[in-house]
């Protein structure tokens, strides 16, 4: 899987997509919202990608443990992920 960037290849184009990278240039957070949504709007669903020591993605966790489009992308680091 390389550095995990290919995880996002299949994201649908009907959503606005945002990706935030960690210090190793691995995607750490990904979010999607209805096209036209802004990052400060409560319209996003967000995942956090967990990596092993070899930088392989091993799990994907949802912000606040759900897939609802009710998160704010700009606040992604403040959510609990499960």
PDB file of N, CA and C in Angstrom:
ATOM      1  N   UNK A   1       0.799  -1.195   0.000  1.00  0.00           N
ATOM      2  CA  UNK A   1       0.000   0.000   0.000  1.00  0.00           C
ATOM      3  C   UNK A   1       0.844   1.262   0.000  1.00  0.00           C
ATOM      4  N   UNK A   2       2.125   1.130  -0.065  1.00  0.00           N
ATOM      5  CA  UNK A   2       2.960   2.326  -0.090  1.00  0.00           C
ATOM      6  C   UNK A   2       2.780   3.149   1.171  1.00  0.00           C
ATOM      7  N   UNK A   3       2.660   4.452   1.009  1.00  0.00           N
ATOM      8  CA  UNK A   3       2.523   5.320   2.173  1.00  0.00           C
ATOM      9  C   UNK A   3       1.072   5.627   2.500  1.00  0.00           C
ATOM     10  N   UNK A   4       0.129   4.916   1.907  1.00  0.00           N
ATOM     11  CA  UNK A   4      -1.273   5.070   2.260  1.00  0.00           C
ATOM     12  C   UNK A   4      -2.046   6.031   1.383  1.00  0.00           C
ATOM     13  N   UNK A   5      -1.388   6.757   0.492  1.00  0.00           N
ATOM     14  CA  UNK A   5      -2.093   7.740  -0.325  1.00  0.00           C
ATOM     15  C   UNK A   5      -3.113   7.091  -1.251  1.00  0.00           C
ATOM     16  N   UNK A   6      -2.868   5.840  -1.643  1.00  0.00           N
ATOM     17  CA  UNK A   6      -3.804   5.162  -2.523  1.00  0.00           C
ATOM     18  C   UNK A   6      -5.122   4.815  -1.834  1.00  0.00           C
ATOM     19  N   UNK A   7      -5.210   5.000  -0.519  1.00  0.00           N
ATOM     20  CA  UNK A   7      -6.466   4.773   0.192  1.00  0.00           C
ATOM     21  C   UNK A   7      -7.571   5.685  -0.311  1.00  0.00           C
ATOM     22  N   UNK A   8      -7.229   6.805  -0.869  1.00  0.00           N
ATOM     23  CA  UNK A   8      -8.202   7.817  -1.255  1.00  0.00           C
ATOM     24  C   UNK A   8      -8.537   7.794  -2.738  1.00  0.00           C
ATOM     25  N   UNK A   9      -7.952   6.870  -3.463  1.00  0.00           N
ATOM     26  CA  UNK A   9      -8.165   6.806  -4.904  1.00  0.00           C
ATOM     27  C   UNK A   9      -9.638   6.649  -5.263  1.00  0.00           C
ATOM     28  N   UNK A  10     -10.381   5.882  -4.466  1.00  0.00           N
ATOM     29  CA  UNK A  10     -11.761   5.550  -4.800  1.00  0.00           C
ATOM     30  C   UNK A  10     -12.784   6.547  -4.266  1.00  0.00           C
ATOM     31  N   UNK A  11     -12.360   7.640  -3.666  1.00  0.00           N
ATOM     32  CA  UNK A  11     -13.335   8.613  -3.158  1.00  0.00           C
ATOM     33  C   UNK A  11     -14.199   9.138  -4.300  1.00  0.00           C
ATOM     34  N   UNK A  12     -15.453   9.217  -4.045  1.00  0.00           N
ATOM     35  CA  UNK A  12     -16.395   9.662  -5.056  1.00  0.00           C
ATOM     36  C   UNK A  12     -16.272  11.156  -5.311  1.00  0.00           C
ATOM     37  N   UNK A  13     -16.595  11.587  -6.517  1.00  0.00           N
ATOM     38  CA  UNK A  13     -16.467  12.995  -6.870  1.00  0.00           C
ATOM     39  C   UNK A  13     -17.699  13.807  -6.506  1.00  0.00           C
ATOM     40  N   UNK A  14     -18.724  13.184  -5.949  1.00  0.00           N
ATOM     41  CA  UNK A  14     -19.898  13.966  -5.563  1.00  0.00           C
ATOM     42  C   UNK A  14     -19.698  14.691  -4.243  1.00  0.00           C
ATOM     43  N   UNK A  15     -18.564  14.513  -3.628  1.00  0.00           N
ATOM     44  CA  UNK A  15     -18.243  15.172  -2.366  1.00  0.00           C
ATOM     45  C   UNK A  15     -17.020  16.065  -2.520  1.00  0.00           C
ATOM     46  N   UNK A  16     -16.963  17.087  -1.694  1.00  0.00           N
ATOM     47  CA  UNK A  16     -15.743  17.841  -1.504  1.00  0.00           C
ATOM     48  C   UNK A  16     -14.883  17.013  -0.558  1.00  0.00           C
ATOM     49  N   UNK A  17     -13.627  16.851  -0.868  1.00  0.00           N
ATOM     50  CA  UNK A  17     -12.737  16.011  -0.071  1.00  0.00           C
ATOM     51  C   UNK A  17     -11.588  16.845   0.479  1.00  0.00           C
ATOM     52  N   UNK A  18     -11.206  16.556   1.725  1.00  0.00           N
ATOM     53  CA  UNK A  18     -10.045  17.199   2.340  1.00  0.00           C
ATOM     54  C   UNK A  18      -9.164  16.110   2.939  1.00  0.00           C
ATOM     55  N   UNK A  19      -7.858  16.293   2.849  1.00  0.00           N
ATOM     56  CA  UNK A  19      -6.894  15.341   3.397  1.00  0.00           C
ATOM     57  C   UNK A  19      -5.837  16.124   4.152  1.00  0.00           C
ATOM     58  N   UNK A  20      -5.511  15.672   5.362  1.00  0.00           N
ATOM     59  CA  UNK A  20      -4.437  16.273   6.153  1.00  0.00           C
ATOM     60  C   UNK A  20      -3.362  15.212   6.372  1.00  0.00           C
ATOM     61  N   UNK A  21      -2.112  15.609   6.227  1.00  0.00           N
ATOM     62  CA  UNK A  21      -0.980  14.679   6.296  1.00  0.00           C
ATOM     63  C   UNK A  21      -0.224  14.818   7.608  1.00  0.00           C
ATOM     64  N   UNK A  22       0.383  13.698   8.037  1.00  0.00           N
ATOM     65  CA  UNK A  22       1.204  13.730   9.242  1.00  0.00           C
ATOM     66  C   UNK A  22       2.634  14.141   8.876  1.00  0.00           C
ATOM     67  N   UNK A  23       3.522  14.149   9.852  1.00  0.00           N
ATOM     68  CA  UNK A  23       4.889  14.614   9.604  1.00  0.00           C
ATOM     69  C   UNK A  23       5.687  13.675   8.691  1.00  0.00           C
ATOM     70  N   UNK A  24       5.207  12.441   8.510  1.00  0.00           N
ATOM     71  CA  UNK A  24       5.850  11.490   7.600  1.00  0.00           C
ATOM     72  C   UNK A  24       5.237  11.531   6.207  1.00  0.00           C
ATOM     73  N   UNK A  25       4.367  12.505   5.954  1.00  0.00           N
ATOM     74  CA  UNK A  25       3.682  12.678   4.677  1.00  0.00           C
ATOM     75  C   UNK A  25       2.674  11.566   4.386  1.00  0.00           C
ATOM     76  N   UNK A  26       2.186  10.923   5.430  1.00  0.00           N
ATOM     77  CA  UNK A  26       1.101   9.949   5.297  1.00  0.00           C
ATOM     78  C   UNK A  26      -0.222  10.656   5.526  1.00  0.00           C
ATOM     79  N   UNK A  27      -1.266  10.319   4.768  1.00  0.00           N
ATOM     80  CA  UNK A  27      -2.578  10.888   5.068  1.00  0.00           C
ATOM     81  C   UNK A  27      -2.992  10.482   6.490  1.00  0.00           C
ATOM     82  N   UNK A  28      -3.290  11.443   7.323  1.00  0.00           N
ATOM     83  CA  UNK A  28      -3.674  11.160   8.700  1.00  0.00           C
ATOM     84  C   UNK A  28      -5.174  11.321   8.909  1.00  0.00           C
ATOM     85  N   UNK A  29      -5.745  12.336   8.297  1.00  0.00           N
ATOM     86  CA  UNK A  29      -7.185  12.583   8.363  1.00  0.00           C
ATOM     87  C   UNK A  29      -7.713  12.746   6.948  1.00  0.00           C
ATOM     88  N   UNK A  30      -8.929  12.254   6.724  1.00  0.00           N
ATOM     89  CA  UNK A  30      -9.625  12.490   5.461  1.00  0.00           C
ATOM     90  C   UNK A  30     -11.067  12.803   5.794  1.00  0.00           C
ATOM     91  N   UNK A  31     -11.614  13.714   5.039  1.00  0.00           N
ATOM     92  CA  UNK A  31     -12.996  14.081   5.263  1.00  0.00           C
ATOM     93  C   UNK A  31     -13.700  14.347   3.961  1.00  0.00           C
ATOM     94  N   UNK A  32     -15.008  14.221   4.009  1.00  0.00           N
ATOM     95  CA  UNK A  32     -15.807  14.545   2.841  1.00  0.00           C
ATOM     96  C   UNK A  32     -17.094  15.210   3.285  1.00  0.00           C
ATOM     97  N   UNK A  33     -17.580  16.078   2.412  1.00  0.00           N
ATOM     98  CA  UNK A  33     -18.806  16.832   2.670  1.00  0.00           C
ATOM     99  C   UNK A  33     -19.466  17.106   1.328  1.00  0.00           C
ATOM    100  N   UNK A  34     -20.716  17.529   1.374  1.00  0.00           N
ATOM    101  CA  UNK A  34     -21.413  17.879   0.136  1.00  0.00           C
ATOM    102  C   UNK A  34     -20.609  18.926  -0.624  1.00  0.00           C
ATOM    103  N   UNK A  35     -20.595  18.806  -1.935  1.00  0.00           N
ATOM    104  CA  UNK A  35     -19.883  19.759  -2.775  1.00  0.00           C
ATOM    105  C   UNK A  35     -20.316  21.182  -2.432  1.00  0.00           C
ATOM    106  N   UNK A  36     -19.340  22.053  -2.272  1.00  0.00           N
ATOM    107  CA  UNK A  36     -19.612  23.444  -1.930  1.00  0.00           C
ATOM    108  C   UNK A  36     -19.494  23.750  -0.448  1.00  0.00           C
ATOM    109  N   UNK A  37     -19.366  22.708   0.387  1.00  0.00           N
ATOM    110  CA  UNK A  37     -19.215  22.937   1.826  1.00  0.00           C
ATOM    111  C   UNK A  37     -17.857  23.564   2.110  1.00  0.00           C
ATOM    112  N   UNK A  38     -17.807  24.384   3.146  1.00  0.00           N
ATOM    113  CA  UNK A  38     -16.538  24.976   3.560  1.00  0.00           C
ATOM    114  C   UNK A  38     -16.033  24.231   4.792  1.00  0.00           C
ATOM    115  N   UNK A  39     -14.733  24.329   5.035  1.00  0.00           N
ATOM    116  CA  UNK A  39     -14.113  23.537   6.094  1.00  0.00           C
ATOM    117  C   UNK A  39     -14.515  23.955   7.492  1.00  0.00           C
ATOM    118  N   UNK A  40     -15.079  25.121   7.647  1.00  0.00           N
ATOM    119  CA  UNK A  40     -15.524  25.586   8.964  1.00  0.00           C
ATOM    120  C   UNK A  40     -17.000  25.276   9.220  1.00  0.00           C
ATOM    121  N   UNK A  41     -17.637  24.602   8.294  1.00  0.00           N
ATOM    122  CA  UNK A  41     -19.062  24.283   8.376  1.00  0.00           C
ATOM    123  C   UNK A  41     -19.270  22.898   8.979  1.00  0.00           C
ATOM    124  N   UNK A  42     -20.324  22.743   9.755  1.00  0.00           N
ATOM    125  CA  UNK A  42     -20.670  21.450  10.349  1.00  0.00           C
ATOM    126  C   UNK A  42     -21.363  20.596   9.277  1.00  0.00           C
ATOM    127  N   UNK A  43     -20.552  20.037   8.357  1.00  0.00           N
ATOM    128  CA  UNK A  43     -21.088  19.307   7.210  1.00  0.00           C
ATOM    129  C   UNK A  43     -20.229  18.116   6.811  1.00  0.00           C
ATOM    130  N   UNK A  44     -19.239  17.789   7.616  1.00  0.00           N
ATOM    131  CA  UNK A  44     -18.222  16.818   7.246  1.00  0.00           C
ATOM    132  C   UNK A  44     -18.359  15.496   7.995  1.00  0.00           C
ATOM    133  N   UNK A  45     -17.932  14.415   7.347  1.00  0.00           N
ATOM    134  CA  UNK A  45     -17.648  13.167   8.057  1.00  0.00           C
ATOM    135  C   UNK A  45     -16.150  12.945   7.892  1.00  0.00           C
ATOM    136  N   UNK A  46     -15.515  12.524   8.973  1.00  0.00           N
ATOM    137  CA  UNK A  46     -14.046  12.542   9.029  1.00  0.00           C
ATOM    138  C   UNK A  46     -13.533  11.204   9.550  1.00  0.00           C
ATOM    139  N   UNK A  47     -12.452  10.728   8.928  1.00  0.00           N
ATOM    140  CA  UNK A  47     -11.769   9.535   9.415  1.00  0.00           C
ATOM    141  C   UNK A  47     -10.347   9.902   9.827  1.00  0.00           C
ATOM    142  N   UNK A  48      -9.817   9.080  10.720  1.00  0.00           N
ATOM    143  CA  UNK A  48      -8.403   9.162  11.096  1.00  0.00           C
ATOM    144  C   UNK A  48      -7.787   7.815  10.744  1.00  0.00           C
ATOM    145  N   UNK A  49      -6.640   7.840  10.085  1.00  0.00           N
ATOM    146  CA  UNK A  49      -5.967   6.622   9.655  1.00  0.00           C
ATOM    147  C   UNK A  49      -4.833   6.327  10.622  1.00  0.00           C
ATOM    148  N   UNK A  50      -4.805   5.110  11.124  1.00  0.00           N
ATOM    149  CA  UNK A  50      -3.785   4.665  12.075  1.00  0.00           C
ATOM    150  C   UNK A  50      -2.773   3.806  11.321  1.00  0.00           C
ATOM    151  N   UNK A  51      -1.501   4.045  11.571  1.00  0.00           N
ATOM    152  CA  UNK A  51      -0.413   3.346  10.897  1.00  0.00           C
ATOM    153  C   UNK A  51       0.388   2.495  11.879  1.00  0.00           C
ATOM    154  N   UNK A  52       0.994   1.420  11.357  1.00  0.00           N
ATOM    155  CA  UNK A  52       1.917   0.637  12.176  1.00  0.00           C
ATOM    156  C   UNK A  52       3.307   1.277  12.105  1.00  0.00           C
ATOM    157  N   UNK A  53       4.289   0.664  12.745  1.00  0.00           N
ATOM    158  CA  UNK A  53       5.633   1.246  12.804  1.00  0.00           C
ATOM    159  C   UNK A  53       6.320   1.300  11.446  1.00  0.00           C
ATOM    160  N   UNK A  54       5.814   0.547  10.462  1.00  0.00           N
ATOM    161  CA  UNK A  54       6.371   0.558   9.107  1.00  0.00           C
ATOM    162  C   UNK A  54       5.614   1.500   8.175  1.00  0.00           C
ATOM    163  N   UNK A  55       4.752   2.340   8.739  1.00  0.00           N
ATOM    164  CA  UNK A  55       3.939   3.298   7.983  1.00  0.00           C
ATOM    165  C   UNK A  55       2.901   2.639   7.080  1.00  0.00           C
ATOM    166  N   UNK A  56       2.467   1.444   7.465  1.00  0.00           N
ATOM    167  CA  UNK A  56       1.381   0.783   6.757  1.00  0.00           C
ATOM    168  C   UNK A  56       0.069   1.116   7.454  1.00  0.00           C
ATOM    169  N   UNK A  57      -0.968   1.506   6.707  1.00  0.00           N
ATOM    170  CA  UNK A  57      -2.253   1.777   7.358  1.00  0.00           C
ATOM    171  C   UNK A  57      -2.840   0.488   7.916  1.00  0.00           C
ATOM    172  N   UNK A  58      -3.275   0.541   9.167  1.00  0.00           N
ATOM    173  CA  UNK A  58      -3.807  -0.665   9.807  1.00  0.00           C
ATOM    174  C   UNK A  58      -5.250  -0.529  10.261  1.00  0.00           C
ATOM    175  N   UNK A  59      -5.732   0.694  10.406  1.00  0.00           N
ATOM    176  CA  UNK A  59      -7.139   0.869  10.761  1.00  0.00           C
ATOM    177  C   UNK A  59      -7.606   2.272  10.408  1.00  0.00           C
ATOM    178  N   UNK A  60      -8.919   2.378  10.272  1.00  0.00           N
ATOM    179  CA  UNK A  60      -9.572   3.646   9.990  1.00  0.00           C
ATOM    180  C   UNK A  60     -10.612   3.863  11.074  1.00  0.00           C
ATOM    181  N   UNK A  61     -10.547   5.013  11.731  1.00  0.00           N
ATOM    182  CA  UNK A  61     -11.459   5.336  12.825  1.00  0.00           C
ATOM    183  C   UNK A  61     -12.298   6.547  12.437  1.00  0.00           C
ATOM    184  N   UNK A  62     -13.566   6.554  12.873  1.00  0.00           N
ATOM    185  CA  UNK A  62     -14.483   7.651  12.553  1.00  0.00           C
ATOM    186  C   UNK A  62     -14.526   8.675  13.677  1.00  0.00           C
ATOM    187  N   UNK A  63     -14.594   9.939  13.304  1.00  0.00           N
ATOM    188  CA  UNK A  63     -14.743  11.015  14.291  1.00  0.00           C
ATOM    189  C   UNK A  63     -16.035  10.806  15.065  1.00  0.00           C
ATOM    190  N   UNK A  64     -15.932  10.836  16.382  1.00  0.00           N
ATOM    191  CA  UNK A  64     -17.052  10.622  17.292  1.00  0.00           C
ATOM    192  C   UNK A  64     -17.723   9.271  17.066  1.00  0.00           C
ATOM    193  N   UNK A  65     -16.994   8.342  16.427  1.00  0.00           N
ATOM    194  CA  UNK A  65     -17.479   6.977  16.255  1.00  0.00           C
ATOM    195  C   UNK A  65     -18.625   6.804  15.287  1.00  0.00           C
ATOM    196  N   UNK A  66     -18.842   7.790  14.404  1.00  0.00           N
ATOM    197  CA  UNK A  66     -19.953   7.650  13.452  1.00  0.00           C
ATOM    198  C   UNK A  66     -19.630   8.291  12.113  1.00  0.00           C
ATOM    199  N   UNK A  67     -20.461   7.979  11.129  1.00  0.00           N
ATOM    200  CA  UNK A  67     -20.268   8.453   9.763  1.00  0.00           C
ATOM    201  C   UNK A  67     -21.184   9.624   9.410  1.00  0.00           C
ATOM    202  N   UNK A  68     -21.716  10.291  10.392  1.00  0.00           N
ATOM    203  CA  UNK A  68     -22.632  11.410  10.143  1.00  0.00           C
ATOM    204  C   UNK A  68     -21.886  12.616   9.581  1.00  0.00           C
ATOM    205  N   UNK A  69     -22.547  13.322   8.701  1.00  0.00           N
ATOM    206  CA  UNK A  69     -21.998  14.550   8.106  1.00  0.00           C
ATOM    207  C   UNK A  69     -22.302  15.729   9.036  1.00  0.00           C
ATOM    208  N   UNK A  70     -21.755  15.676  10.247  1.00  0.00           N
ATOM    209  CA  UNK A  70     -22.048  16.727  11.240  1.00  0.00           C
ATOM    210  C   UNK A  70     -20.804  17.237  11.952  1.00  0.00           C
ATOM    211  N   UNK A  71     -19.647  17.007  11.349  1.00  0.00           N
ATOM    212  CA  UNK A  71     -18.387  17.453  11.942  1.00  0.00           C
ATOM    213  C   UNK A  71     -17.867  18.686  11.210  1.00  0.00           C
ATOM    214  N   UNK A  72     -16.929  19.355  11.832  1.00  0.00           N
ATOM    215  CA  UNK A  72     -16.259  20.518  11.245  1.00  0.00           C
ATOM    216  C   UNK A  72     -14.823  20.102  10.918  1.00  0.00           C
ATOM    217  N   UNK A  73     -14.462  20.187   9.651  1.00  0.00           N
ATOM    218  CA  UNK A  73     -13.124  19.769   9.228  1.00  0.00           C
ATOM    219  C   UNK A  73     -12.035  20.505  10.002  1.00  0.00           C
ATOM    220  N   UNK A  74     -12.190  21.784  10.195  1.00  0.00           N
ATOM    221  CA  UNK A  74     -11.184  22.573  10.898  1.00  0.00           C
ATOM    222  C   UNK A  74     -10.970  22.097  12.335  1.00  0.00           C
ATOM    223  N   UNK A  75     -11.933  21.384  12.907  1.00  0.00           N
ATOM    224  CA  UNK A  75     -11.841  20.876  14.281  1.00  0.00           C
ATOM    225  C   UNK A  75     -11.438  19.409  14.341  1.00  0.00           C
ATOM    226  N   UNK A  76     -10.964  18.839  13.259  1.00  0.00           N
ATOM    227  CA  UNK A  76     -10.713  17.397  13.170  1.00  0.00           C
ATOM    228  C   UNK A  76      -9.818  16.853  14.285  1.00  0.00           C
ATOM    229  N   UNK A  77      -8.858  17.613  14.742  1.00  0.00           N
ATOM    230  CA  UNK A  77      -7.940  17.126  15.782  1.00  0.00           C
ATOM    231  C   UNK A  77      -8.590  17.081  17.165  1.00  0.00           C
ATOM    232  N   UNK A  78      -9.708  17.729  17.332  1.00  0.00           N
ATOM    233  CA  UNK A  78     -10.358  17.781  18.650  1.00  0.00           C
ATOM    234  C   UNK A  78     -11.367  16.654  18.876  1.00  0.00           C
ATOM    235  N   UNK A  79     -11.692  15.901  17.842  1.00  0.00           N
ATOM    236  CA  UNK A  79     -12.683  14.832  17.976  1.00  0.00           C
ATOM    237  C   UNK A  79     -12.069  13.580  18.592  1.00  0.00           C
ATOM    238  N   UNK A  80     -12.934  12.758  19.172  1.00  0.00           N
ATOM    239  CA  UNK A  80     -12.552  11.422  19.619  1.00  0.00           C
ATOM    240  C   UNK A  80     -12.817  10.465  18.471  1.00  0.00           C
ATOM    241  N   UNK A  81     -11.892   9.553  18.215  1.00  0.00           N
ATOM    242  CA  UNK A  81     -12.009   8.624  17.085  1.00  0.00           C
ATOM    243  C   UNK A  81     -12.138   7.188  17.578  1.00  0.00           C
ATOM    244  N   UNK A  82     -13.092   6.499  16.988  1.00  0.00           N
ATOM    245  CA  UNK A  82     -13.273   5.077  17.316  1.00  0.00           C
ATOM    246  C   UNK A  82     -13.896   4.348  16.136  1.00  0.00           C
TER     247      UNK A  82
END
